[in-house]
């Protein structure tokens, strides 16, 4: 699906300008959580952010541009964090890596659940504009670095399919957990359960591949 052209305002260069844009994005996220995307007005945003309406339009020509910038910033932040952790702990055991990454992802999802799950579905224009940078792809990329570093341990496993399935499972499980929480399941318990499921899935793939390999 082709991307929808997005109008961009002036790119912030100075520290002051960057702080202004950050204030706008933070206020926009807070207002979206309170009123929904359609309920956010320029007047509300100016009041919440402390930035004049003219100042907002200086950087963002419309509400869609703000939403896309917020989504991109959120995805970039978690991607950077996951990459730093992966590089720092590249030799960790598989179960340790999965558990740690799930904990980081859950923290980001809880903090930015509206941005990551609800905002992309606000309207057709947003779906088309940010469909190429969904958090599904983020999860896929975050697992690639570790898995490719451990190819010898993984055996003859289709890594592309493995990453795809892991991303689907994690995204769906996180969404259900956050929007339909179980009163008796804690964050730690949820992460442990999903980690175990993914590890068992990978071990099962390795077992199947090993049995199908001629002796």
C-alpha atoms as a PDB file:
ATOM      1  CA  UNK A   1       0.000   0.000   0.000  1.00  0.00           C
ATOM      2  CA  UNK A   2       1.525   3.361  -0.999  1.00  0.00           C
ATOM      3  CA  UNK A   3       2.335   5.853   1.699  1.00  0.00           C
ATOM      4  CA  UNK A   4       0.278   9.029   1.925  1.00  0.00           C
ATOM      5  CA  UNK A   5       2.336  12.217   1.452  1.00  0.00           C
ATOM      6  CA  UNK A   6       2.699  14.032   4.757  1.00  0.00           C
ATOM      7  CA  UNK A   7       3.135  17.765   5.060  1.00  0.00           C
ATOM      8  CA  UNK A   8       6.024  18.775   7.287  1.00  0.00           C
ATOM      9  CA  UNK A   9       6.698  22.050   9.026  1.00  0.00           C
ATOM     10  CA  UNK A  10      10.029  23.553   9.935  1.00  0.00           C
ATOM     11  CA  UNK A  11      12.524  21.061  11.340  1.00  0.00           C
ATOM     12  CA  UNK A  12      13.748  22.081  14.813  1.00  0.00           C
ATOM     13  CA  UNK A  13      17.490  22.719  14.929  1.00  0.00           C
ATOM     14  CA  UNK A  14      18.223  24.561  18.163  1.00  0.00           C
ATOM     15  CA  UNK A  15      17.794  23.027  21.627  1.00  0.00           C
ATOM     16  CA  UNK A  16      14.999  25.490  22.328  1.00  0.00           C
ATOM     17  CA  UNK A  17      13.138  24.480  19.187  1.00  0.00           C
ATOM     18  CA  UNK A  18      13.564  20.792  20.004  1.00  0.00           C
ATOM     19  CA  UNK A  19      12.151  21.361  23.483  1.00  0.00           C
ATOM     20  CA  UNK A  20       9.209  23.196  21.931  1.00  0.00           C
ATOM     21  CA  UNK A  21       8.470  20.283  19.616  1.00  0.00           C
ATOM     22  CA  UNK A  22       8.859  17.845  22.503  1.00  0.00           C
ATOM     23  CA  UNK A  23       6.348  19.861  24.552  1.00  0.00           C
ATOM     24  CA  UNK A  24       3.883  19.787  21.655  1.00  0.00           C
ATOM     25  CA  UNK A  25       4.219  16.029  21.192  1.00  0.00           C
ATOM     26  CA  UNK A  26       3.918  15.257  24.895  1.00  0.00           C
ATOM     27  CA  UNK A  27       0.855  17.461  25.208  1.00  0.00           C
ATOM     28  CA  UNK A  28      -0.690  15.899  22.110  1.00  0.00           C
ATOM     29  CA  UNK A  29      -0.227  12.391  23.497  1.00  0.00           C
ATOM     30  CA  UNK A  30      -1.779  13.373  26.813  1.00  0.00           C
ATOM     31  CA  UNK A  31      -4.750  15.046  25.126  1.00  0.00           C
ATOM     32  CA  UNK A  32      -5.318  12.076  22.817  1.00  0.00           C
ATOM     33  CA  UNK A  33      -5.468   9.792  25.827  1.00  0.00           C
ATOM     34  CA  UNK A  34      -8.005  12.115  27.437  1.00  0.00           C
ATOM     35  CA  UNK A  35     -10.188  13.159  24.490  1.00  0.00           C
ATOM     36  CA  UNK A  36      -9.257  10.825  21.640  1.00  0.00           C
ATOM     37  CA  UNK A  37      -7.607  11.877  18.405  1.00  0.00           C
ATOM     38  CA  UNK A  38     -10.712  13.545  16.988  1.00  0.00           C
ATOM     39  CA  UNK A  39     -11.311  15.465  20.201  1.00  0.00           C
ATOM     40  CA  UNK A  40      -7.935  17.234  20.234  1.00  0.00           C
ATOM     41  CA  UNK A  41      -8.177  20.833  19.042  1.00  0.00           C
ATOM     42  CA  UNK A  42      -5.485  23.404  18.364  1.00  0.00           C
ATOM     43  CA  UNK A  43      -6.727  25.507  21.274  1.00  0.00           C
ATOM     44  CA  UNK A  44      -6.477  22.574  23.672  1.00  0.00           C
ATOM     45  CA  UNK A  45      -3.010  21.723  22.407  1.00  0.00           C
ATOM     46  CA  UNK A  46      -1.771  25.304  22.754  1.00  0.00           C
ATOM     47  CA  UNK A  47      -3.078  25.503  26.295  1.00  0.00           C
ATOM     48  CA  UNK A  48      -1.663  22.124  27.322  1.00  0.00           C
ATOM     49  CA  UNK A  49       1.763  22.559  25.705  1.00  0.00           C
ATOM     50  CA  UNK A  50       2.284  26.214  26.521  1.00  0.00           C
ATOM     51  CA  UNK A  51       3.096  26.834  22.859  1.00  0.00           C
ATOM     52  CA  UNK A  52       1.126  29.416  20.905  1.00  0.00           C
ATOM     53  CA  UNK A  53      -1.088  28.315  18.032  1.00  0.00           C
ATOM     54  CA  UNK A  54       1.282  30.101  15.648  1.00  0.00           C
ATOM     55  CA  UNK A  55       4.202  28.256  17.208  1.00  0.00           C
ATOM     56  CA  UNK A  56       2.488  24.912  16.715  1.00  0.00           C
ATOM     57  CA  UNK A  57       1.813  25.607  13.036  1.00  0.00           C
ATOM     58  CA  UNK A  58       5.422  26.630  12.618  1.00  0.00           C
ATOM     59  CA  UNK A  59       6.442  23.004  13.117  1.00  0.00           C
ATOM     60  CA  UNK A  60       3.275  21.090  12.249  1.00  0.00           C
ATOM     61  CA  UNK A  61       0.910  22.156   9.440  1.00  0.00           C
ATOM     62  CA  UNK A  62      -1.931  19.956  10.697  1.00  0.00           C
ATOM     63  CA  UNK A  63      -2.992  17.440  13.337  1.00  0.00           C
ATOM     64  CA  UNK A  64      -2.068  14.471  11.187  1.00  0.00           C
ATOM     65  CA  UNK A  65       1.534  15.674  10.992  1.00  0.00           C
ATOM     66  CA  UNK A  66       1.684  15.875  14.798  1.00  0.00           C
ATOM     67  CA  UNK A  67       0.266  12.356  15.153  1.00  0.00           C
ATOM     68  CA  UNK A  68       2.775  10.902  12.710  1.00  0.00           C
ATOM     69  CA  UNK A  69       5.688  12.698  14.355  1.00  0.00           C
ATOM     70  CA  UNK A  70       4.584  11.421  17.767  1.00  0.00           C
ATOM     71  CA  UNK A  71       4.289   7.858  16.494  1.00  0.00           C
ATOM     72  CA  UNK A  72       7.702   8.013  14.822  1.00  0.00           C
ATOM     73  CA  UNK A  73       9.338   9.449  17.945  1.00  0.00           C
ATOM     74  CA  UNK A  74       7.807   6.750  20.136  1.00  0.00           C
ATOM     75  CA  UNK A  75       8.873   3.928  17.833  1.00  0.00           C
ATOM     76  CA  UNK A  76      12.366   5.410  17.538  1.00  0.00           C
ATOM     77  CA  UNK A  77      12.760   5.619  21.311  1.00  0.00           C
ATOM     78  CA  UNK A  78      11.908   1.982  21.950  1.00  0.00           C
ATOM     79  CA  UNK A  79      13.945   0.818  18.939  1.00  0.00           C
ATOM     80  CA  UNK A  80      17.010   2.642  20.248  1.00  0.00           C
ATOM     81  CA  UNK A  81      16.558   1.158  23.707  1.00  0.00           C
ATOM     82  CA  UNK A  82      16.142  -2.391  22.414  1.00  0.00           C
ATOM     83  CA  UNK A  83      19.181  -2.093  20.163  1.00  0.00           C
ATOM     84  CA  UNK A  84      21.319  -0.799  23.033  1.00  0.00           C
ATOM     85  CA  UNK A  85      20.244  -3.706  25.222  1.00  0.00           C
ATOM     86  CA  UNK A  86      20.802  -6.243  22.432  1.00  0.00           C
ATOM     87  CA  UNK A  87      24.324  -5.010  21.727  1.00  0.00           C
ATOM     88  CA  UNK A  88      25.217  -4.900  25.409  1.00  0.00           C
ATOM     89  CA  UNK A  89      23.891  -8.396  26.128  1.00  0.00           C
ATOM     90  CA  UNK A  90      24.399 -10.128  22.795  1.00  0.00           C
ATOM     91  CA  UNK A  91      25.829 -13.270  24.442  1.00  0.00           C
ATOM     92  CA  UNK A  92      22.983 -13.808  26.894  1.00  0.00           C
ATOM     93  CA  UNK A  93      20.984 -17.016  26.841  1.00  0.00           C
ATOM     94  CA  UNK A  94      17.856 -17.038  24.681  1.00  0.00           C
ATOM     95  CA  UNK A  95      15.393 -17.122  27.572  1.00  0.00           C
ATOM     96  CA  UNK A  96      17.163 -14.219  29.301  1.00  0.00           C
ATOM     97  CA  UNK A  97      17.138 -12.113  26.132  1.00  0.00           C
ATOM     98  CA  UNK A  98      13.471 -12.756  25.425  1.00  0.00           C
ATOM     99  CA  UNK A  99      12.401 -11.999  28.981  1.00  0.00           C
ATOM    100  CA  UNK A 100      14.399  -8.770  29.120  1.00  0.00           C
ATOM    101  CA  UNK A 101      13.130  -7.500  25.767  1.00  0.00           C
ATOM    102  CA  UNK A 102       9.536  -8.328  26.654  1.00  0.00           C
ATOM    103  CA  UNK A 103       9.897  -6.392  29.886  1.00  0.00           C
ATOM    104  CA  UNK A 104      11.186  -3.345  28.009  1.00  0.00           C
ATOM    105  CA  UNK A 105       8.449  -3.610  25.395  1.00  0.00           C
ATOM    106  CA  UNK A 106       5.730  -3.959  28.015  1.00  0.00           C
ATOM    107  CA  UNK A 107       6.992  -0.847  29.785  1.00  0.00           C
ATOM    108  CA  UNK A 108       6.839   1.162  26.545  1.00  0.00           C
ATOM    109  CA  UNK A 109       3.456  -0.272  25.576  1.00  0.00           C
ATOM    110  CA  UNK A 110       1.992   0.639  28.966  1.00  0.00           C
ATOM    111  CA  UNK A 111       3.399   4.148  28.802  1.00  0.00           C
ATOM    112  CA  UNK A 112       2.361   4.755  25.195  1.00  0.00           C
ATOM    113  CA  UNK A 113      -0.548   2.360  24.640  1.00  0.00           C
ATOM    114  CA  UNK A 114      -2.711   4.970  22.917  1.00  0.00           C
ATOM    115  CA  UNK A 115       0.046   5.991  20.520  1.00  0.00           C
ATOM    116  CA  UNK A 116       1.090   2.455  19.623  1.00  0.00           C
ATOM    117  CA  UNK A 117      -2.293   0.745  19.443  1.00  0.00           C
ATOM    118  CA  UNK A 118      -5.098   3.285  19.057  1.00  0.00           C
ATOM    119  CA  UNK A 119      -3.632   6.246  17.188  1.00  0.00           C
ATOM    120  CA  UNK A 120      -2.628   4.282  14.049  1.00  0.00           C
ATOM    121  CA  UNK A 121      -6.281   3.267  13.629  1.00  0.00           C
ATOM    122  CA  UNK A 122      -7.738   6.766  14.124  1.00  0.00           C
ATOM    123  CA  UNK A 123      -8.500   7.196  10.422  1.00  0.00           C
ATOM    124  CA  UNK A 124      -7.559   5.897   6.985  1.00  0.00           C
ATOM    125  CA  UNK A 125      -4.990   8.625   6.376  1.00  0.00           C
ATOM    126  CA  UNK A 126      -3.016   7.736   9.492  1.00  0.00           C
ATOM    127  CA  UNK A 127      -3.215   4.018   8.742  1.00  0.00           C
ATOM    128  CA  UNK A 128      -1.757   4.610   5.289  1.00  0.00           C
ATOM    129  CA  UNK A 129       0.865   7.082   6.512  1.00  0.00           C
ATOM    130  CA  UNK A 130       2.392   5.012   9.287  1.00  0.00           C
ATOM    131  CA  UNK A 131       1.631   1.498   8.137  1.00  0.00           C
ATOM    132  CA  UNK A 132       5.253   1.045   7.071  1.00  0.00           C
ATOM    133  CA  UNK A 133       6.618   1.753  10.565  1.00  0.00           C
ATOM    134  CA  UNK A 134       4.328  -0.303  12.773  1.00  0.00           C
ATOM    135  CA  UNK A 135       5.571  -1.678  16.067  1.00  0.00           C
ATOM    136  CA  UNK A 136       5.175  -5.149  14.513  1.00  0.00           C
ATOM    137  CA  UNK A 137       8.225  -4.333  12.401  1.00  0.00           C
ATOM    138  CA  UNK A 138       9.954  -2.933  15.467  1.00  0.00           C
ATOM    139  CA  UNK A 139       9.578  -6.245  17.315  1.00  0.00           C
ATOM    140  CA  UNK A 140      10.800  -8.096  14.254  1.00  0.00           C
ATOM    141  CA  UNK A 141      13.908  -5.924  13.949  1.00  0.00           C
ATOM    142  CA  UNK A 142      14.671  -6.101  17.660  1.00  0.00           C
ATOM    143  CA  UNK A 143      14.861  -9.906  17.527  1.00  0.00           C
ATOM    144  CA  UNK A 144      16.873 -10.050  14.296  1.00  0.00           C
ATOM    145  CA  UNK A 145      20.127  -8.809  15.818  1.00  0.00           C
ATOM    146  CA  UNK A 146      20.208 -11.433  18.554  1.00  0.00           C
ATOM    147  CA  UNK A 147      18.970 -14.362  16.474  1.00  0.00           C
ATOM    148  CA  UNK A 148      21.413 -13.767  13.628  1.00  0.00           C
ATOM    149  CA  UNK A 149      24.249 -13.582  16.145  1.00  0.00           C
ATOM    150  CA  UNK A 150      23.275 -17.030  17.420  1.00  0.00           C
ATOM    151  CA  UNK A 151      22.743 -18.860  14.144  1.00  0.00           C
ATOM    152  CA  UNK A 152      24.861 -21.823  15.248  1.00  0.00           C
ATOM    153  CA  UNK A 153      22.674 -22.338  18.310  1.00  0.00           C
ATOM    154  CA  UNK A 154      19.431 -21.895  16.367  1.00  0.00           C
ATOM    155  CA  UNK A 155      20.194 -24.693  13.953  1.00  0.00           C
ATOM    156  CA  UNK A 156      18.334 -25.062  10.668  1.00  0.00           C
ATOM    157  CA  UNK A 157      15.456 -22.752  11.600  1.00  0.00           C
ATOM    158  CA  UNK A 158      13.693 -20.361   9.222  1.00  0.00           C
ATOM    159  CA  UNK A 159      14.583 -17.096  10.977  1.00  0.00           C
ATOM    160  CA  UNK A 160      12.311 -14.918   8.852  1.00  0.00           C
ATOM    161  CA  UNK A 161       9.284 -17.013   9.748  1.00  0.00           C
ATOM    162  CA  UNK A 162      10.399 -17.243  13.368  1.00  0.00           C
ATOM    163  CA  UNK A 163      10.689 -13.458  13.736  1.00  0.00           C
ATOM    164  CA  UNK A 164       7.345 -12.973  12.025  1.00  0.00           C
ATOM    165  CA  UNK A 165       5.565 -15.359  14.385  1.00  0.00           C
ATOM    166  CA  UNK A 166       7.292 -13.873  17.431  1.00  0.00           C
ATOM    167  CA  UNK A 167       6.200 -10.369  16.410  1.00  0.00           C
ATOM    168  CA  UNK A 168       2.579 -11.461  15.913  1.00  0.00           C
ATOM    169  CA  UNK A 169       2.451 -13.271  19.231  1.00  0.00           C
ATOM    170  CA  UNK A 170       4.074 -10.464  21.210  1.00  0.00           C
ATOM    171  CA  UNK A 171       1.963  -7.684  19.701  1.00  0.00           C
ATOM    172  CA  UNK A 172      -1.302  -9.560  20.136  1.00  0.00           C
ATOM    173  CA  UNK A 173      -0.493 -10.695  23.661  1.00  0.00           C
ATOM    174  CA  UNK A 174       0.610  -7.222  24.746  1.00  0.00           C
ATOM    175  CA  UNK A 175      -2.528  -5.613  23.342  1.00  0.00           C
ATOM    176  CA  UNK A 176      -4.859  -8.108  25.012  1.00  0.00           C
ATOM    177  CA  UNK A 177      -2.999  -7.863  28.309  1.00  0.00           C
ATOM    178  CA  UNK A 178      -3.144  -4.069  28.382  1.00  0.00           C
ATOM    179  CA  UNK A 179      -6.727  -3.628  27.197  1.00  0.00           C
ATOM    180  CA  UNK A 180      -8.255  -6.730  28.821  1.00  0.00           C
ATOM    181  CA  UNK A 181      -6.113  -7.295  31.918  1.00  0.00           C
ATOM    182  CA  UNK A 182      -6.551 -10.324  34.135  1.00  0.00           C
ATOM    183  CA  UNK A 183      -6.798  -9.349  37.823  1.00  0.00           C
ATOM    184  CA  UNK A 184      -4.598 -12.257  38.923  1.00  0.00           C
ATOM    185  CA  UNK A 185      -1.781 -11.805  36.392  1.00  0.00           C
ATOM    186  CA  UNK A 186       1.011  -9.351  37.203  1.00  0.00           C
ATOM    187  CA  UNK A 187       3.375  -7.738  34.703  1.00  0.00           C
ATOM    188  CA  UNK A 188       6.113 -10.089  35.847  1.00  0.00           C
ATOM    189  CA  UNK A 189       3.846 -13.100  35.494  1.00  0.00           C
ATOM    190  CA  UNK A 190       2.741 -12.030  32.026  1.00  0.00           C
ATOM    191  CA  UNK A 191       6.327 -11.521  30.821  1.00  0.00           C
ATOM    192  CA  UNK A 192       7.372 -14.889  32.280  1.00  0.00           C
ATOM    193  CA  UNK A 193       4.471 -16.707  30.591  1.00  0.00           C
ATOM    194  CA  UNK A 194       5.035 -15.189  27.143  1.00  0.00           C
ATOM    195  CA  UNK A 195       8.794 -15.696  27.445  1.00  0.00           C
ATOM    196  CA  UNK A 196       8.309 -19.372  28.252  1.00  0.00           C
ATOM    197  CA  UNK A 197       5.883 -19.801  25.361  1.00  0.00           C
ATOM    198  CA  UNK A 198       8.320 -18.255  22.875  1.00  0.00           C
ATOM    199  CA  UNK A 199      11.268 -20.279  24.164  1.00  0.00           C
ATOM    200  CA  UNK A 200       9.253 -23.492  23.930  1.00  0.00           C
ATOM    201  CA  UNK A 201       8.163 -22.568  20.408  1.00  0.00           C
ATOM    202  CA  UNK A 202      11.776 -22.041  19.325  1.00  0.00           C
ATOM    203  CA  UNK A 203      12.890 -25.255  21.007  1.00  0.00           C
ATOM    204  CA  UNK A 204      10.077 -27.076  19.224  1.00  0.00           C
ATOM    205  CA  UNK A 205      11.228 -25.739  15.866  1.00  0.00           C
ATOM    206  CA  UNK A 206      14.766 -26.849  16.614  1.00  0.00           C
ATOM    207  CA  UNK A 207      13.524 -30.289  17.557  1.00  0.00           C
ATOM    208  CA  UNK A 208      11.460 -30.666  14.406  1.00  0.00           C
ATOM    209  CA  UNK A 209      14.370 -29.521  12.244  1.00  0.00           C
ATOM    210  CA  UNK A 210      16.728 -31.890  14.047  1.00  0.00           C
ATOM    211  CA  UNK A 211      14.431 -34.891  13.492  1.00  0.00           C
ATOM    212  CA  UNK A 212      14.079 -34.099   9.800  1.00  0.00           C
ATOM    213  CA  UNK A 213      17.860 -33.886   9.262  1.00  0.00           C
ATOM    214  CA  UNK A 214      19.333 -37.116   7.849  1.00  0.00           C
ATOM    215  CA  UNK A 215      21.769 -38.816  10.249  1.00  0.00           C
END
